Protein backbone atom coordinates (compact mmCIF):
# COMPACT_ATOMS: atom_id res chain seq x y z
CA MET A 1 27.49 48.51 -107.60
CA THR A 2 31.14 47.78 -107.00
CA PHE A 3 33.33 47.15 -110.00
CA SER A 4 35.86 44.41 -109.29
CA LEU A 5 39.03 42.83 -110.65
CA TYR A 6 36.90 39.91 -111.81
CA ASP A 7 34.61 42.27 -113.75
CA ALA A 8 37.57 44.01 -115.37
CA THR A 9 39.44 40.86 -116.36
CA VAL A 10 37.65 37.51 -116.39
CA ALA A 11 34.40 38.97 -117.70
CA ASN A 12 36.32 40.49 -120.64
CA TYR A 13 38.29 37.31 -121.25
CA LEU A 14 35.09 35.26 -121.34
CA GLN A 15 33.33 37.63 -123.73
CA ILE A 16 36.16 37.72 -126.24
CA LEU A 17 37.08 34.03 -125.92
CA GLY A 18 33.42 33.27 -126.63
CA SER A 19 33.42 35.49 -129.68
CA ALA A 20 36.76 34.03 -130.81
CA SER A 21 35.25 30.53 -130.70
CA GLY A 22 32.45 31.84 -132.87
CA PHE A 23 34.60 33.64 -135.41
CA LEU A 24 36.98 30.69 -135.63
CA GLU A 25 34.04 28.37 -136.37
CA LYS A 26 32.43 30.76 -138.87
CA SER A 27 35.76 31.24 -140.64
CA LEU A 28 36.43 27.51 -140.82
CA ALA A 29 33.04 26.95 -142.48
CA HIS A 30 33.88 29.66 -145.02
CA PHE A 31 37.30 28.16 -145.73
CA LYS A 32 35.85 24.67 -146.21
CA ASP A 33 33.09 26.01 -148.48
CA ASN A 34 35.68 27.80 -150.61
CA GLY A 35 38.34 25.09 -150.81
CA ILE A 36 40.82 26.90 -148.58
CA ASP A 37 42.99 24.58 -146.50
CA PRO A 38 42.86 25.55 -142.79
CA ALA A 39 46.51 24.41 -142.55
CA ASP A 40 47.41 27.41 -144.72
CA ILE A 41 45.54 29.75 -142.38
CA VAL A 42 47.53 28.81 -139.27
CA GLU A 43 50.72 30.02 -140.96
CA THR A 44 49.26 33.29 -142.27
CA ARG A 45 50.85 36.57 -141.25
CA LEU A 46 49.68 40.09 -141.99
CA PHE A 47 53.27 41.24 -142.47
CA PRO A 48 56.53 39.26 -142.72
CA ASP A 49 57.84 40.39 -139.32
CA MET A 50 54.59 39.50 -137.50
CA LEU A 51 54.00 36.16 -135.87
CA PRO A 52 51.48 33.85 -137.61
CA PHE A 53 47.83 33.19 -136.87
CA ARG A 54 48.77 30.16 -134.75
CA PHE A 55 50.75 32.35 -132.34
CA GLN A 56 47.95 34.91 -132.15
CA VAL A 57 45.46 32.25 -131.03
CA VAL A 58 47.92 30.63 -128.62
CA SER A 59 48.43 34.09 -127.13
CA LEU A 60 44.67 34.49 -126.62
CA ALA A 61 44.74 31.55 -124.23
CA HIS A 62 48.05 32.55 -122.70
CA HIS A 63 47.02 36.13 -121.96
CA SER A 64 43.73 35.01 -120.41
CA ARG A 65 43.90 31.61 -118.75
CA GLY A 66 47.70 31.85 -118.42
CA ALA A 67 47.48 35.36 -117.00
CA MET A 68 45.05 34.24 -114.31
CA GLU A 69 47.35 31.33 -113.47
CA ALA A 70 50.24 33.79 -113.18
CA ALA A 71 48.22 36.02 -110.88
CA LYS A 72 47.74 32.97 -108.65
CA ASN A 73 51.25 31.52 -108.79
CA GLY A 74 53.24 34.76 -109.17
CA VAL A 75 55.15 34.13 -112.42
CA PHE A 76 54.33 34.78 -116.08
CA VAL A 77 56.53 33.82 -119.03
CA PRO A 78 55.95 34.39 -122.76
CA PRO A 79 53.94 31.73 -124.60
CA SER A 80 55.62 29.11 -126.72
CA GLY A 81 54.78 29.15 -130.42
CA LYS A 82 53.28 25.62 -130.26
CA PRO A 83 54.16 24.92 -133.92
CA ASP A 84 52.34 21.59 -133.89
CA LEU A 85 48.84 23.01 -133.35
CA ASP A 86 46.49 22.83 -136.33
CA TYR A 87 43.31 24.87 -136.77
CA ALA A 88 41.16 22.38 -134.82
CA ALA A 89 43.66 22.32 -131.94
CA LEU A 90 43.63 26.12 -131.85
CA GLN A 91 39.84 26.07 -131.63
CA ALA A 92 40.07 23.58 -128.75
CA LEU A 93 42.65 25.77 -127.00
CA VAL A 94 40.25 28.73 -127.05
CA LYS A 95 37.33 26.62 -125.83
CA ASP A 96 39.45 25.11 -123.04
CA ALA A 97 40.59 28.57 -121.90
CA HIS A 98 36.95 29.72 -121.84
CA SER A 99 35.91 26.66 -119.87
CA GLU A 100 38.69 27.05 -117.29
CA LEU A 101 38.01 30.76 -116.82
CA SER A 102 34.28 30.08 -116.49
CA ALA A 103 35.07 28.06 -113.38
CA LEU A 104 36.69 31.04 -111.61
CA THR A 105 34.61 32.80 -109.01
CA PRO A 106 34.57 36.55 -108.45
CA ASP A 107 35.70 36.03 -104.85
CA ALA A 108 38.73 33.97 -105.91
CA VAL A 109 39.80 36.50 -108.54
CA ASN A 110 39.19 39.54 -106.33
CA ALA A 111 41.32 37.91 -103.62
CA LEU A 112 44.32 38.23 -105.96
CA LEU A 113 44.47 42.02 -105.47
CA GLY A 114 47.89 43.11 -104.28
CA ARG A 115 49.63 39.78 -104.94
CA GLU A 116 53.03 39.90 -106.59
CA VAL A 117 53.42 38.78 -110.20
CA THR A 118 56.74 38.73 -112.02
CA PHE A 119 56.95 38.69 -115.79
CA LYS A 120 60.10 36.81 -116.77
CA VAL A 121 61.51 37.00 -120.27
CA GLY A 122 65.06 35.81 -120.76
CA ASP A 123 67.24 37.43 -118.10
CA ARG A 124 64.73 40.21 -117.45
CA SER A 125 62.15 40.30 -114.71
CA MET A 126 59.39 42.85 -114.41
CA PRO A 127 57.60 43.11 -111.05
CA PHE A 128 53.86 43.82 -110.91
CA THR A 129 50.94 43.58 -108.56
CA ALA A 130 48.32 41.15 -109.84
CA GLU A 131 46.00 43.99 -110.81
CA GLY A 132 48.81 45.96 -112.46
CA PHE A 133 49.87 42.91 -114.43
CA LEU A 134 46.34 42.00 -115.52
CA MET A 135 45.21 45.52 -116.38
CA SER A 136 48.37 47.03 -117.92
CA PHE A 137 49.98 43.97 -119.51
CA SER A 138 47.67 40.99 -119.88
CA LEU A 139 44.46 42.65 -121.09
CA PRO A 140 46.19 44.87 -123.69
CA ASN A 141 48.07 41.83 -125.03
CA PHE A 142 44.90 39.74 -125.00
CA PHE A 143 43.00 42.33 -127.06
CA PHE A 144 45.96 42.83 -129.42
CA HIS A 145 46.24 39.12 -130.21
CA SER A 146 42.49 38.59 -130.50
CA THR A 147 42.24 41.53 -132.89
CA THR A 148 45.20 40.28 -134.92
CA ALA A 149 43.72 36.76 -135.17
CA TYR A 150 40.39 38.27 -136.30
CA ASP A 151 42.19 40.51 -138.82
CA ILE A 152 44.10 37.58 -140.31
CA LEU A 153 40.84 35.70 -140.84
CA ARG A 154 39.27 38.78 -142.46
CA HIS A 155 42.37 39.18 -144.62
CA LYS A 156 41.91 35.59 -145.80
CA GLY A 157 38.33 36.35 -146.82
CA ALA A 158 36.28 35.13 -143.85
CA PRO A 159 32.91 36.93 -143.80
CA LEU A 160 33.28 38.44 -140.34
CA GLY A 161 32.00 41.71 -138.97
CA LYS A 162 32.39 43.79 -135.86
CA ARG A 163 29.60 41.88 -134.10
CA ASP A 164 31.55 38.65 -134.61
CA PHE A 165 34.50 40.17 -132.77
CA ILE A 166 32.57 41.80 -129.94
CA GLY A 167 30.48 38.75 -129.13
CA ARG A 168 27.82 38.57 -126.45
CA LEU A 169 27.16 41.89 -124.77
CA ASN A 170 26.61 42.24 -121.04
CA LEU A 171 23.24 43.93 -121.18
CA LYS A 172 21.36 45.37 -118.24
CA LYS A 173 19.07 42.79 -116.66
């Protein structure tokens, strides 16, 4: 069996975006049952110098769907904070990212190998190959932001466990 760029990236994005949809839904039910306003959750931070829950979820989509778009078009820029997104809009953003990535084929993703991708932030530009960008920048950021979003929900009392974060496993068939 050959292990491909698709297997290393899109398959991981889909697994964690799927689990994020689940833990967002489970947390929302908990918050509603306990009289906690979801509007308060989107502004929650684990520490004053960290960006809020809203940014963490926006970054999930940006470092998955947005990363694949960058691998295709050659340019990646940091996500905007999207301060107008409420909890429901964040849930929709995750579901939309999952849906768009589900439409990608292994052949299309594997054809991105060797393409140039530039990460632009302010006046700085960082050159990558598509695989270097996805594996050394996008995936680590994706997992960081998904973990931070999960941790904020746990911190706010959502009854989540490790299985909620990991999601559906890719078991041998």
